Each structure stands twice: as C-alpha cells, then as structure tokens.
Amino acid sequence: MTAPFHAERLLFTPATPISTATPVVFAFPNEYSVGITSLGYQVIWAMLAQRSDLAVSRWFTDIHEALPSPIELLGFSMSWELDYANILSMLESLDIPIEAADRGNEHPLVFGGGPVLTANPEPFAAFFDVLLLGDGEVVLDAFIDAYQTVRDCDRATQLKQLAQVPGLYVPSLYEPTYVSATGPLIAVSPLDADIPVVLQKQTYRGNTLSASSVVTAQAAWENIYMVEVVRSCPEMCRFCLASYLTLPFRTAPVAGGLIPAVEKGVAVTNRLGLLGASVTQHPDFDELLDYLNQSQFDDVRLSLASVRTNTVKPKLTETLTRHGTKSITIAIESGSERVRQIVNKKLETDDILAAAVNAKAGGLSALKLYGMAGIPGEMPADLETTAELMLQLKKAAPGLRLTLGCSTFVPKAHTPFQWYGVNRQAEKRLKLLQKRLRPKGIDFRPESYNWSIIQALISRGDRRLTPLLLQAREFGDSLGSYRRAFKELKGQLPPLEFYVHENWEPNQVLPWDHIQGPLPKATLLKHLNSATEHFPDSIKFPVSV
C-alpha cells in the first residue's frame, strides 16, 4: 500500500541519485500517520534525500516505498521506547539478525537516532551497529560522509573508522563490566585503545531551526505545517529530558527565520503548528504574533505546543482564538509551591490563576494542565494542594473546561533527578487526585502507572536488559510481561526494583556515564542539591551531594 505517499506535498527538492548512490532505507518504527507527523523524522529524511550520493526509501510499519536490494544502510528514528519491538519485527521481516553481533558483511549497517537513543542507548545497544548521538544537523552528514570513505571495506573496518567520528557510537566496540551479575555497573569501556573513552553528544548551535519538509492529509495532525520556534528550554525543570538533554536554549530569528518559514508553509496549507518545549519564551514572540494577526492569515489555524504559564496573556489567547484554537496547554507540575521549587518550576500560584482567567477572557473554551505525581520530595499533602488549586481555577474562570493530565515521575538520564527512582506511592496518589477531582466536574486524565514503570526501566537500563526486552516482546508489551521476564532471568540481572524504584548513590556509575551530555555530572549534582534544600528533613537524599 503506497497511496498515502501520493497525497504528500513536498517542500524540498529531492536530489537525483547518481549511478553509484548508496541504497539507504530510513524507517520509522510505527505507522505512517505517526511517523510522518514527527518533525525530526521529516527533517532527517529530507537531509538524506537531498544527497545525490544516496538513494533513499522510506519504511513504516504499515507502508513503504520500494525497498532496494541489497540495502547498505538501514536507519531508524526512535522517539518512543516501546517502538523497539517494531524495530525488531522490521529487522526480522528483512531477514536481518536482530543483534548486531550476528550480522556479517552481507547485512546492512543498522543505525539509529532520536531522543530515546541519545539519552540512554544501552538497553538497545545490541540491536544497532551505529548510534547517532545528538542533533541531526551536525551528526547525520558526518556519519554519511565517513561511511562513504569506507563503503567498500569489510564490516569490522567500517565500524572501527565510524567510531572515530564525534557523535557516532558503535556499541560493539565497548564492553560493560559489573560488580556482579545482579550488581551495579563498574564501567562501559572501549575494547581498543584507539576507540574514544567518552562519547560527546553533538549539539547544533545555530539558530536556523527546523520546519516541515512535507505536508499531508494522512498525518496524525492533518495537513499541518510545523515550525520549530525554539529548541530546548531555559526553565530547566529538574526532571525534564527535553530541557537538559537539548541545551543550550536556542531561538530562531523572527524576521530572518520564522517569517520565511511560515510563508513557505501557508503557501500549501492553512494549518500551522509552532513547536518547542517553551514556545512563548521566544524573546520576540509578540513580534511573531503581530505578524500572524495580519488579515491575510485570518484563515490559518494555529496550534501551539505547551506554553509557559506566565506568558498566557490576553494578546496570546486572543490570537489563538482568532486562529481557530479552542484550548491551550500549560505545565504546572504541582499545585504545591514547595514542590515547584523542588523541580525549579519558577511559577507562582497567582500566575496559574491568571492564566486561567486570561484563557477565558481571550475566548478559549478549555485549559489543559500537566501535573506529575511522585516527584522527589513530594508529600501526600502536596497532592491535596494540587486538587485545591484545580478547584480554585474552576471558581476563578467559571465555564472554562479544565483538564488535568497527570503522569508519574520517571527518572531521565542527564537530568538532576536521574538518581531517583519511581515513588512506590505514585499510583495511590494518582487515584487520590482522581477521587478529589472527577466528582467536581474536572476532567482528570492520569497516564498509566504501569507504563511509567516500563519507561523508568528502559530509561535507567543497561545492556543486561537486552535478553529481558527480547523475552518481554515474546510475552507481550504489558507490565506483566516484563515482570514475567524478570522471573525467567532471575540471577542474570538485577531485579526490577533496582532499575525502577531504588534511589542510586551519587557516586554510582550510571549506564550512560560514557556519554557526555550538555552538562557534566558535577553540575547535575549541584542542581540536585539545590532541589533537596526544599525537601522535608525526613526524606533527604540518603547521602550528601
């Protein structure tokens, strides 16, 4: 089935491959409607397709373009942890061994990238020949250029040469050692002296940010054209991978970047999405709003990613209403000011109330808030405060439809809270919020606690999870499948509680310590120490940081 490809409107010109072009398949391990809505996938595909030395085919779980034979390079863009099962199924469908160690010269090099693989690639390391760490604008062309120089070499030579390129991680050239089969990690070390000991995530430091390379009615967000307004976030909430992993905060210039990008998009569609972890913190965001409020854009539907709460002003809400938006999303994390201090959410309760009032006054009909349960340092009373805040909002902006989406805290690599496990009481706390809010007419939408457990397992996992992931895939993707797999493999790896619930000592070696993120470990520990200053004495971090 290839019909959806015919509905695409390309916003770039693909190159004509030369006769000796390298055959590449670039895959997204989910359905087309999901993958083509990923701005990251779109941008990397366009970068590959604009190289005449490559012949690129796209592959999704439900459809694909004509696949070459043989394939030399097979790439996956991975943005959701559990999509690993689809990657393995896709490899099997091409008769490519699931584990890199079983592949020979006749098989393609399997590479991967995306936030999941950059943050902590170790649970998936066995499945990839090469991992691209960091921003595609920097690392992708470096990878392809390096590959072309060793294209005719044997696999071992190719991998050894690619491992010398900054941002390219060849897992097979590194070996983990552990205190014991079920104990902590000692190190992940290169097998040869000429392989880098520490890998550096590659960061694009320019301010020409991404925009859609294709618009289609078949996307999950129908006919949307996406523009990246900012990258990273200046708030640096202590748990937030989207902020810490992508530092520094970068903004696209309005006149020389965002306006030309918008003009390119609205020439083919009237649906515009402004993306970024904190879009409205662009220093010249009002200038962009003024531009969009011109009469020629009256029929443009505008969507925004989550916005900074204290930027929800009348001008913003009126602009959104004018352009067909009926709701806005803000992240508050907690109704407790003390908890917001813990996570570095620089936000007063009055700011949240003002956002609700301004949303209603500007003509919006709904306000969605994001919260979190089980944040390190949180006490049960803090959840009561969150419930009380939601009731305050209902009184402050009567008639505004309120939704509280609430997740469980999950530790993420390269953040100050990477040492903390999932709070065992988090599920009860989600149920407490549900009991308090739903009878009051507030739409409460908790994220699955069981999914949070699996997410934490993968987030903090090491290579000992490889057989577990394979086993769980056979059993199914439920939490019960993972628990069953742990029982089957008992004695071969630490228990689930070690990865998910335990607080790790600051001096413990982490599975991703050989990958240098934007901030060194010492800085993350300082940020952690700033957070614990707001903890109750009864739950201080177990050792001094």
Protein backbone atom coordinates (compact mmCIF):
# COMPACT_ATOMS: atom_id res chain seq x y z
CA MET A 1 0.00 0.00 0.00
CA THR A 2 1.62 3.25 -1.15
CA ALA A 3 -1.41 5.55 -1.61
CA PRO A 4 -0.54 7.94 1.28
CA PHE A 5 2.73 8.89 -0.43
CA HIS A 6 0.73 10.30 -3.37
CA ALA A 7 -1.04 12.73 -1.03
CA GLU A 8 2.23 14.35 0.06
CA ARG A 9 3.20 17.89 -0.85
CA LEU A 10 6.99 18.16 -0.63
CA LEU A 11 8.58 21.41 0.50
CA PHE A 12 12.06 20.46 -0.70
CA THR A 13 13.52 19.11 -3.92
CA PRO A 14 14.99 15.61 -3.62
CA ALA A 15 18.29 15.05 -5.39
CA THR A 16 18.58 12.72 -8.36
CA PRO A 17 20.73 9.82 -7.15
CA ILE A 18 23.94 9.20 -9.06
CA SER A 19 24.51 5.76 -10.59
CA THR A 20 26.73 4.67 -7.69
CA ALA A 21 24.44 6.05 -4.97
CA THR A 22 24.35 4.16 -1.67
CA PRO A 23 20.98 2.41 -1.16
CA VAL A 24 19.51 3.62 2.15
CA VAL A 25 16.28 2.77 3.92
CA PHE A 26 15.14 5.29 6.52
CA ALA A 27 12.49 3.80 8.78
CA PHE A 28 10.09 4.94 11.47
CA PRO A 29 9.03 2.04 13.72
CA ASN A 30 5.34 2.93 13.76
CA GLU A 31 2.52 3.65 11.33
CA TYR A 32 2.89 6.22 8.57
CA SER A 33 0.41 8.67 10.11
CA VAL A 34 2.51 8.77 13.29
CA GLY A 35 5.94 8.83 11.65
CA ILE A 36 5.17 11.50 9.07
CA THR A 37 3.91 13.75 11.89
CA SER A 38 7.34 13.59 13.54
CA LEU A 39 9.24 16.75 12.61
CA GLY A 40 12.51 15.02 13.45
CA TYR A 41 11.79 12.18 11.02
CA GLN A 42 10.74 14.62 8.30
CA VAL A 43 13.88 16.71 8.63
CA ILE A 44 16.32 13.77 8.63
CA TRP A 45 14.57 12.18 5.66
CA ALA A 46 14.85 15.45 3.72
CA MET A 47 18.56 15.73 4.60
CA LEU A 48 19.18 12.22 3.29
CA ALA A 49 17.01 12.68 0.20
CA GLN A 50 18.88 15.84 -0.82
CA ARG A 51 22.17 13.95 -1.13
CA SER A 52 22.84 12.67 -4.64
CA ASP A 53 25.21 10.02 -3.25
CA LEU A 54 22.25 8.30 -1.56
CA ALA A 55 19.16 6.55 -2.94
CA VAL A 56 16.67 6.76 -0.08
CA SER A 57 13.49 4.76 0.56
CA ARG A 58 11.12 5.29 3.47
CA TRP A 59 9.66 2.47 5.55
CA PHE A 60 6.86 2.50 8.13
CA THR A 61 5.17 -0.44 9.83
CA ASP A 62 2.11 -0.22 7.57
CA ILE A 63 3.51 1.07 4.24
CA HIS A 64 6.83 1.58 2.50
CA GLU A 65 8.38 2.81 -0.69
CA ALA A 66 10.13 0.31 -2.95
CA LEU A 67 12.97 -1.13 -0.88
CA PRO A 68 16.34 -1.68 -2.56
CA SER A 69 18.19 -4.96 -2.61
CA PRO A 70 20.70 -5.07 -1.19
CA ILE A 71 20.30 -2.37 1.46
CA GLU A 72 23.60 -0.86 2.62
CA LEU A 73 22.33 1.46 5.36
CA LEU A 74 19.16 0.91 7.38
CA GLY A 75 18.25 3.73 9.75
CA PHE A 76 15.60 4.07 12.44
CA SER A 77 14.27 7.25 14.04
CA MET A 78 13.17 6.29 17.55
CA SER A 79 11.05 8.63 19.66
CA TRP A 80 9.09 6.18 21.83
CA GLU A 81 10.70 3.48 23.98
CA LEU A 82 8.31 0.63 23.24
CA ASP A 83 8.75 1.05 19.49
CA TYR A 84 11.83 -1.15 19.93
CA ALA A 85 9.56 -4.17 19.41
CA ASN A 86 8.57 -2.82 15.98
CA ILE A 87 12.24 -2.29 15.10
CA LEU A 88 12.98 -5.93 15.86
CA SER A 89 9.98 -7.09 13.82
CA MET A 90 11.06 -4.93 10.88
CA LEU A 91 14.58 -6.39 11.02
CA GLU A 92 13.15 -9.90 11.06
CA SER A 93 10.96 -9.15 8.04
CA LEU A 94 14.14 -8.43 6.03
CA ASP A 95 15.97 -11.47 7.42
CA ILE A 96 18.46 -9.20 9.20
CA PRO A 97 19.71 -10.63 12.52
CA ILE A 98 18.21 -8.77 15.47
CA GLU A 99 21.54 -8.45 17.27
CA ALA A 100 24.44 -6.63 15.64
CA ALA A 101 26.89 -9.31 16.80
CA ASP A 102 25.18 -11.82 14.45
CA ARG A 103 25.42 -9.65 11.32
CA GLY A 104 28.01 -10.14 8.62
CA ASN A 105 29.35 -8.27 5.61
CA GLU A 106 26.23 -9.21 3.64
CA HIS A 107 23.94 -7.29 6.00
CA PRO A 108 23.28 -3.54 6.07
CA LEU A 109 24.70 -1.33 8.78
CA VAL A 110 21.78 -0.63 11.10
CA PHE A 111 21.89 2.87 12.57
CA GLY A 112 19.55 4.76 14.87
CA GLY A 113 18.95 8.17 16.34
CA GLY A 114 16.43 10.24 18.23
CA PRO A 115 15.98 11.38 21.83
CA VAL A 116 15.44 7.89 23.28
CA LEU A 117 18.70 6.58 21.82
CA THR A 118 20.69 9.71 22.62
CA ALA A 119 19.64 9.85 26.27
CA ASN A 120 20.48 6.25 27.18
CA PRO A 121 21.17 3.87 24.29
CA GLU A 122 22.37 0.98 26.45
CA PRO A 123 19.17 -1.14 26.66
CA PHE A 124 19.03 -1.10 22.84
CA ALA A 125 22.78 -1.13 22.14
CA ALA A 126 22.84 -4.75 21.00
CA PHE A 127 20.38 -4.06 18.17
CA PHE A 128 22.33 -1.29 16.42
CA ASP A 129 25.63 -1.17 14.60
CA VAL A 130 25.91 2.62 14.91
CA LEU A 131 24.05 5.13 17.05
CA LEU A 132 23.91 8.83 16.22
CA LEU A 133 24.11 10.86 19.43
CA GLY A 134 22.67 14.36 19.29
CA ASP A 135 21.35 16.76 16.71
CA GLY A 136 20.94 15.52 13.15
CA GLU A 137 22.08 18.84 11.70
CA VAL A 138 25.58 18.01 12.97
CA VAL A 139 25.92 14.26 13.17
CA LEU A 140 24.00 12.95 10.14
CA ASP A 141 26.17 14.30 7.33
CA ALA A 142 29.29 13.45 9.33
CA PHE A 143 28.07 9.85 9.50
CA ILE A 144 27.24 9.59 5.80
CA ASP A 145 30.48 11.29 4.74
CA ALA A 146 32.52 8.92 6.92
CA TYR A 147 30.62 5.88 5.64
CA GLN A 148 31.30 6.79 2.02
CA THR A 149 35.05 6.69 2.70
CA VAL A 150 34.83 3.09 3.99
CA ARG A 151 31.92 1.88 1.88
CA ASP A 152 33.97 -0.80 0.16
CA CYS A 153 35.68 -2.05 3.33
CA ASP A 154 34.70 -5.04 5.43
CA ARG A 155 32.26 -4.52 8.31
CA ALA A 156 34.88 -4.52 11.08
CA THR A 157 36.92 -1.83 9.31
CA GLN A 158 33.81 0.24 8.67
CA LEU A 159 32.77 0.17 12.32
CA LYS A 160 36.23 0.98 13.63
CA GLN A 161 36.51 4.01 11.34
CA LEU A 162 32.99 5.24 12.10
CA ALA A 163 33.73 5.04 15.83
CA GLN A 164 36.32 7.80 15.37
CA VAL A 165 33.68 10.32 14.24
CA PRO A 166 32.40 12.60 17.03
CA GLY A 167 28.85 11.65 17.99
CA LEU A 168 28.95 8.17 16.43
CA TYR A 169 28.65 5.36 18.97
CA VAL A 170 29.50 1.83 17.88
CA PRO A 171 28.27 -0.26 20.85
CA SER A 172 30.06 -3.46 19.78
CA LEU A 173 33.41 -1.72 20.36
CA TYR A 174 32.57 -1.13 24.04
CA GLU A 175 32.17 -3.63 26.83
CA PRO A 176 30.32 -3.19 30.14
CA THR A 177 31.63 -4.66 33.39
CA TYR A 178 29.60 -5.18 36.55
CA VAL A 179 30.24 -5.74 40.23
CA SER A 180 28.32 -9.00 39.77
CA ALA A 181 25.57 -10.36 37.53
CA THR A 182 22.97 -8.67 39.71
CA GLY A 183 25.09 -5.79 41.00
CA PRO A 184 25.77 -2.23 39.83
CA LEU A 185 27.74 -1.28 36.74
CA ILE A 186 31.50 -0.71 37.04
CA ALA A 187 32.15 0.84 33.61
CA VAL A 188 31.41 0.78 29.90
CA SER A 189 34.88 0.75 28.32
CA PRO A 190 36.28 0.69 24.77
CA LEU A 191 37.79 -2.60 23.66
CA ASP A 192 40.72 -0.91 21.91
CA ALA A 193 42.97 1.96 22.91
CA ASP A 194 42.18 3.93 19.75
CA ILE A 195 38.40 3.99 20.44
CA PRO A 196 37.18 7.09 22.37
CA VAL A 197 36.64 6.50 26.08
CA VAL A 198 33.92 9.17 26.30
CA LEU A 199 31.42 9.97 23.58
CA GLN A 200 30.19 13.52 23.14
CA LYS A 201 26.59 14.23 22.22
CA GLN A 202 26.67 16.55 19.20
CA THR A 203 24.85 19.85 19.55
CA TYR A 204 23.69 22.10 16.73
CA ARG A 205 24.36 25.65 17.91
CA GLY A 206 22.87 27.58 15.01
CA ASN A 207 19.57 29.42 15.09
CA THR A 208 18.14 28.20 11.79
CA LEU A 209 15.73 25.70 13.28
CA SER A 210 13.60 23.01 11.69
CA ALA A 211 10.41 23.25 9.65
CA SER A 212 8.28 20.65 7.88
CA SER A 213 9.63 19.12 4.70
CA VAL A 214 6.27 17.57 3.79
CA VAL A 215 2.59 18.33 4.34
CA THR A 216 -0.07 15.63 4.01
CA ALA A 217 -3.68 14.96 4.91
CA GLN A 218 -2.57 11.47 6.01
CA ALA A 219 -0.62 12.81 9.02
CA ALA A 220 -1.97 12.35 12.53
CA TRP A 221 -2.28 16.16 12.58
CA GLU A 222 -3.96 16.53 9.21
CA ASN A 223 -2.23 18.89 6.76
CA ILE A 224 -0.17 20.54 9.49
CA TYR A 225 2.97 22.50 8.69
CA MET A 226 5.32 22.58 11.67
CA VAL A 227 7.85 25.27 12.56
CA GLU A 228 10.37 24.89 15.36
CA VAL A 229 10.33 28.23 17.18
CA VAL A 230 12.75 27.35 19.98
CA ARG A 231 14.97 24.41 20.89
CA SER A 232 15.49 23.30 24.49
CA CYS A 233 14.03 25.31 27.37
CA PRO A 234 15.52 27.95 29.68
CA GLU A 235 13.49 26.78 32.70
CA MET A 236 15.50 23.60 33.31
CA CYS A 237 12.94 21.74 35.40
CA ARG A 238 14.98 19.15 37.30
CA PHE A 239 13.19 16.13 35.77
CA CYS A 240 12.99 17.36 32.19
CA LEU A 241 14.88 15.49 29.50
CA ALA A 242 13.59 17.89 26.81
CA SER A 243 15.40 20.73 28.55
CA TYR A 244 18.61 19.21 29.92
CA LEU A 245 19.47 16.90 27.01
CA THR A 246 18.99 19.62 24.38
CA LEU A 247 20.77 22.58 25.99
CA PRO A 248 21.57 25.34 25.22
CA PHE A 249 18.28 27.18 24.66
CA ARG A 250 18.18 28.43 21.07
CA THR A 251 15.67 30.69 19.33
CA ALA A 252 15.05 31.19 15.63
CA PRO A 253 15.11 34.82 14.47
CA VAL A 254 11.63 36.10 13.62
CA ALA A 255 12.37 38.23 10.56
CA GLY A 256 15.10 36.10 9.02
CA GLY A 257 13.90 32.67 10.07
CA LEU A 258 10.36 32.17 11.36
CA ILE A 259 8.53 34.51 8.97
CA PRO A 260 10.09 33.00 5.80
CA ALA A 261 9.34 29.51 7.19
CA VAL A 262 5.71 30.40 7.90
CA GLU A 263 5.29 31.94 4.44
CA LYS A 264 6.60 28.74 2.87
CA GLY A 265 4.12 26.65 4.84
CA VAL A 266 0.96 28.72 4.43
CA ALA A 267 1.51 28.63 0.67
CA VAL A 268 0.46 24.94 0.78
CA THR A 269 -1.76 24.62 3.88
CA ASN A 270 -3.76 26.70 6.33
CA ARG A 271 -2.78 24.71 9.39
CA LEU A 272 0.30 25.90 11.27
CA GLY A 273 1.95 24.32 14.30
CA LEU A 274 4.51 26.23 16.37
CA LEU A 275 6.78 23.75 18.15
CA GLY A 276 9.23 23.89 21.03
CA ALA A 277 9.46 22.98 24.69
CA SER A 278 8.65 26.56 25.67
CA VAL A 279 7.45 28.35 22.54
CA THR A 280 6.19 31.53 24.18
CA GLN A 281 9.54 32.17 25.83
CA HIS A 282 10.96 33.21 22.50
CA PRO A 283 12.12 36.78 23.28
CA ASP A 284 10.37 38.17 20.20
CA PHE A 285 7.24 36.01 20.33
CA ASP A 286 4.96 39.06 20.36
CA GLU A 287 6.51 40.10 17.06
CA LEU A 288 5.57 36.72 15.59
CA LEU A 289 2.01 37.10 16.93
CA ASP A 290 1.74 40.54 15.30
CA TYR A 291 2.83 39.03 12.01
CA LEU A 292 0.26 36.19 12.25
CA ASN A 293 -2.52 38.64 13.17
CA GLN A 294 -2.34 40.26 9.72
CA SER A 295 -5.55 39.88 7.73
CA GLN A 296 -4.01 37.61 5.08
CA PHE A 297 -3.64 34.91 7.74
CA ASP A 298 -7.22 35.07 9.02
CA ASP A 299 -7.98 31.57 7.71
CA VAL A 300 -4.82 29.99 9.18
CA ARG A 301 -5.48 27.56 12.03
CA LEU A 302 -2.80 27.89 14.67
CA SER A 303 -1.64 25.25 17.15
CA LEU A 304 0.95 25.72 19.89
CA ALA A 305 2.93 23.25 21.92
CA SER A 306 2.77 23.60 25.70
CA VAL A 307 3.35 27.22 26.71
CA ARG A 308 4.93 28.85 29.73
CA THR A 309 2.13 29.60 32.20
CA ASN A 310 3.01 33.21 32.95
CA THR A 311 3.04 34.04 29.22
CA VAL A 312 -0.68 33.29 28.86
CA LYS A 313 -1.63 36.92 28.35
CA PRO A 314 -4.66 38.44 26.56
CA LYS A 315 -2.74 39.02 23.33
CA LEU A 316 -1.76 35.36 23.12
CA THR A 317 -5.21 33.97 23.92
CA GLU A 318 -6.98 36.40 21.59
CA THR A 319 -4.59 35.47 18.76
CA LEU A 320 -5.17 31.76 19.32
CA THR A 321 -8.94 32.22 19.39
CA ARG A 322 -8.79 34.26 16.19
CA HIS A 323 -6.93 31.40 14.51
CA GLY A 324 -9.26 28.60 15.50
CA THR A 325 -7.62 27.33 18.66
CA LYS A 326 -10.10 26.48 21.40
CA SER A 327 -7.73 25.32 24.14
CA ILE A 328 -4.24 25.86 25.46
CA THR A 329 -1.91 23.63 27.48
CA ILE A 330 0.29 24.66 30.39
CA ALA A 331 2.59 22.59 32.61
CA ILE A 332 2.31 23.34 36.32
CA GLU A 333 3.71 20.02 37.67
CA SER A 334 2.12 20.59 41.11
CA GLY A 335 -0.25 22.85 42.99
CA SER A 336 2.32 23.00 45.79
CA GLU A 337 4.72 25.93 45.61
CA ARG A 338 7.28 23.93 47.60
CA VAL A 339 7.21 21.10 45.04
CA ARG A 340 7.51 23.60 42.22
CA GLN A 341 10.62 24.95 43.97
CA ILE A 342 12.00 21.41 44.13
CA VAL A 343 11.64 20.95 40.38
CA ASN A 344 12.77 24.52 39.62
CA LYS A 345 9.39 25.48 38.16
CA LYS A 346 9.63 29.24 38.54
CA LEU A 347 5.91 29.76 38.85
CA GLU A 348 3.61 31.33 41.42
CA THR A 349 0.08 30.12 42.11
CA ASP A 350 -1.18 33.57 41.08
CA ASP A 351 0.43 33.01 37.65
CA ILE A 352 -1.62 29.84 37.20
CA LEU A 353 -4.85 31.56 38.24
CA ALA A 354 -4.10 34.46 35.89
CA ALA A 355 -3.53 32.02 33.01
CA ALA A 356 -6.99 30.54 33.51
CA VAL A 357 -8.63 33.97 33.72
CA ASN A 358 -6.79 35.18 30.61
CA ALA A 359 -7.64 32.00 28.71
CA LYS A 360 -11.34 32.51 29.30
CA ALA A 361 -11.21 36.26 28.68
CA GLY A 362 -9.43 35.70 25.39
CA GLY A 363 -12.17 33.41 24.13
CA LEU A 364 -10.63 29.99 24.74
CA SER A 365 -13.06 27.31 25.88
CA ALA A 366 -10.64 24.89 27.55
CA LEU A 367 -7.43 24.83 29.56
CA LYS A 368 -5.35 21.68 29.92
CA LEU A 369 -2.79 21.48 32.69
CA TYR A 370 0.02 18.97 33.06
CA GLY A 371 0.87 17.71 36.52
CA MET A 372 3.02 14.99 37.99
CA ALA A 373 2.74 12.61 40.94
CA GLY A 374 5.65 11.09 42.84
CA ILE A 375 8.09 13.96 42.33
CA PRO A 376 11.13 13.51 44.62
CA GLY A 377 10.44 15.35 47.87
CA GLU A 378 6.68 15.33 47.36
CA MET A 379 4.42 14.57 50.34
CA PRO A 380 0.78 13.39 50.24
CA ALA A 381 -0.37 16.86 51.33
CA ASP A 382 1.12 18.28 48.13
CA LEU A 383 -1.38 16.27 46.09
CA GLU A 384 -4.21 17.75 48.17
CA THR A 385 -2.83 21.19 47.32
CA THR A 386 -2.93 20.30 43.61
CA ALA A 387 -6.58 19.27 43.94
CA GLU A 388 -7.38 22.51 45.77
CA LEU A 389 -5.69 24.54 43.04
CA MET A 390 -7.83 22.92 40.37
CA LEU A 391 -10.95 23.82 42.33
CA GLN A 392 -9.66 27.38 42.68
CA LEU A 393 -9.22 27.56 38.92
CA LYS A 394 -12.79 26.41 38.40
CA LYS A 395 -14.02 29.28 40.57
CA ALA A 396 -11.65 31.84 39.03
CA ALA A 397 -12.70 31.04 35.45
CA PRO A 398 -16.24 29.61 35.55
CA GLY A 399 -17.26 27.94 32.32
CA LEU A 400 -13.67 27.20 31.24
CA ARG A 401 -13.34 23.45 30.69
CA LEU A 402 -10.47 22.21 32.84
CA THR A 403 -8.41 19.08 32.26
CA LEU A 404 -5.56 17.86 34.44
CA GLY A 405 -3.30 15.37 32.70
CA CYS A 406 -1.06 13.75 35.29
CA SER A 407 1.92 11.48 34.85
CA THR A 408 4.12 9.63 37.31
CA PHE A 409 7.63 10.98 37.83
CA VAL A 410 10.08 8.91 35.74
CA PRO A 411 13.85 9.46 36.11
CA LYS A 412 15.60 10.51 32.91
CA ALA A 413 19.30 10.34 32.01
CA HIS A 414 21.32 13.57 32.03
CA THR A 415 18.90 15.30 34.42
CA PRO A 416 19.43 16.12 38.12
CA PHE A 417 16.74 13.60 39.12
CA GLN A 418 18.40 10.69 37.29
CA TRP A 419 19.45 9.27 40.68
CA TYR A 420 15.88 8.98 41.96
CA GLY A 421 13.60 6.01 41.45
CA VAL A 422 9.87 5.95 40.84
CA ASN A 423 7.87 6.63 44.01
CA ARG A 424 6.02 3.45 45.00
CA GLN A 425 3.14 5.59 46.29
CA ALA A 426 2.64 7.39 42.96
CA GLU A 427 -0.23 5.15 41.81
CA LYS A 428 -2.14 5.78 45.05
CA ARG A 429 -1.54 9.49 44.65
CA LEU A 430 -2.96 9.46 41.13
CA LYS A 431 -6.06 7.73 42.47
CA LEU A 432 -6.31 10.35 45.23
CA LEU A 433 -6.39 13.13 42.64
CA GLN A 434 -8.97 11.24 40.62
CA LYS A 435 -11.20 10.80 43.66
CA ARG A 436 -10.93 14.50 44.52
CA LEU A 437 -11.41 15.98 41.06
CA ARG A 438 -13.78 13.92 38.94
CA PRO A 439 -16.81 14.40 41.23
CA LYS A 440 -16.21 18.16 40.93
CA GLY A 441 -16.52 18.10 37.13
CA ILE A 442 -12.80 18.39 36.39
CA ASP A 443 -11.55 16.07 33.68
CA PHE A 444 -8.68 14.11 35.24
CA ARG A 445 -6.54 12.07 32.87
CA PRO A 446 -3.79 10.04 34.56
CA GLU A 447 -1.06 8.46 32.50
CA SER A 448 -0.73 4.72 33.02
CA TYR A 449 1.34 3.99 36.12
CA ASN A 450 2.33 0.63 34.62
CA TRP A 451 3.64 2.38 31.51
CA SER A 452 5.67 4.67 33.80
CA ILE A 453 7.30 1.61 35.36
CA ILE A 454 8.32 0.25 31.95
CA GLN A 455 9.52 3.71 30.88
CA ALA A 456 11.68 4.02 34.01
CA LEU A 457 13.11 0.53 33.46
CA ILE A 458 14.25 1.45 29.96
CA SER A 459 15.30 4.96 30.96
CA ARG A 460 17.74 3.66 33.60
CA GLY A 461 18.58 0.34 32.00
CA ASP A 462 21.92 -1.14 30.99
CA ARG A 463 22.84 -3.83 28.47
CA ARG A 464 21.67 -6.60 30.76
CA LEU A 465 18.14 -5.63 29.68
CA THR A 466 18.73 -6.96 26.15
CA PRO A 467 17.58 -10.54 26.87
CA LEU A 468 14.79 -9.14 29.02
CA LEU A 469 13.48 -6.94 26.17
CA LEU A 470 13.58 -9.92 23.82
CA GLN A 471 11.73 -12.06 26.33
CA ALA A 472 9.12 -9.42 27.13
CA ARG A 473 8.50 -8.96 23.42
CA GLU A 474 7.58 -12.63 23.20
CA PHE A 475 5.23 -12.32 26.17
CA GLY A 476 3.63 -9.02 25.06
CA ASP A 477 4.20 -5.39 25.96
CA SER A 478 2.34 -5.29 29.30
CA LEU A 479 3.95 -4.71 32.69
CA GLY A 480 3.07 -8.31 33.48
CA SER A 481 5.21 -9.42 30.55
CA TYR A 482 8.23 -7.57 31.94
CA ARG A 483 7.68 -8.98 35.44
CA ARG A 484 7.42 -12.47 33.97
CA ALA A 485 10.64 -11.90 32.01
CA PHE A 486 12.44 -10.81 35.21
CA LYS A 487 11.37 -14.09 36.85
CA GLU A 488 12.63 -16.10 33.87
CA LEU A 489 16.00 -14.33 34.01
CA LYS A 490 16.40 -14.20 37.80
CA GLY A 491 20.07 -14.22 38.77
CA GLN A 492 21.20 -12.93 35.38
CA LEU A 493 20.43 -9.25 36.04
CA PRO A 494 19.31 -7.03 38.92
CA PRO A 495 15.63 -7.12 39.92
CA LEU A 496 13.10 -4.68 38.51
CA GLU A 497 13.19 -2.69 41.75
CA PHE A 498 16.88 -1.85 41.22
CA TYR A 499 16.22 -0.14 37.90
CA VAL A 500 12.83 1.37 38.68
CA HIS A 501 12.39 2.21 42.36
CA GLU A 502 15.79 2.44 44.03
CA ASN A 503 17.48 5.78 44.70
CA TRP A 504 21.00 5.44 43.36
CA GLU A 505 24.00 6.85 45.20
CA PRO A 506 25.59 9.89 43.53
CA ASN A 507 28.90 8.03 43.19
CA GLN A 508 27.28 5.06 41.45
CA VAL A 509 28.36 4.52 37.84
CA LEU A 510 25.41 5.18 35.55
CA PRO A 511 24.80 3.23 32.31
CA TRP A 512 25.23 6.42 30.27
CA ASP A 513 28.30 7.82 32.06
CA HIS A 514 30.45 7.20 28.97
CA ILE A 515 28.18 9.59 27.02
CA GLN A 516 28.76 13.25 27.81
CA GLY A 517 25.58 15.28 27.66
CA PRO A 518 25.34 19.07 27.69
CA LEU A 519 26.16 19.34 31.42
CA PRO A 520 28.77 17.39 33.41
CA LYS A 521 27.73 15.13 36.27
CA ALA A 522 29.14 17.55 38.86
CA THR A 523 26.81 20.29 37.63
CA LEU A 524 23.82 17.97 37.70
CA LEU A 525 24.67 17.09 41.30
CA LYS A 526 24.75 20.80 42.18
CA HIS A 527 21.29 21.19 40.65
CA LEU A 528 20.14 18.15 42.62
CA ASN A 529 21.50 19.68 45.82
CA SER A 530 19.52 22.86 45.12
CA ALA A 531 16.38 20.73 44.80
CA THR A 532 16.91 18.79 48.02
CA GLU A 533 17.15 22.03 50.01
CA HIS A 534 13.36 22.13 49.74
CA PHE A 535 12.85 18.52 50.89
CA PRO A 536 11.32 17.70 54.27
CA ASP A 537 14.10 16.57 56.63
CA SER A 538 12.54 13.11 56.83
CA ILE A 539 13.22 12.32 53.16
CA LYS A 540 16.55 14.00 52.43
CA PHE A 541 18.76 12.31 49.83
CA PRO A 542 20.46 9.33 51.50
CA VAL A 543 23.98 10.73 51.21
CA SER A 544 25.47 14.18 50.96
CA VAL A 545 25.66 15.58 47.44
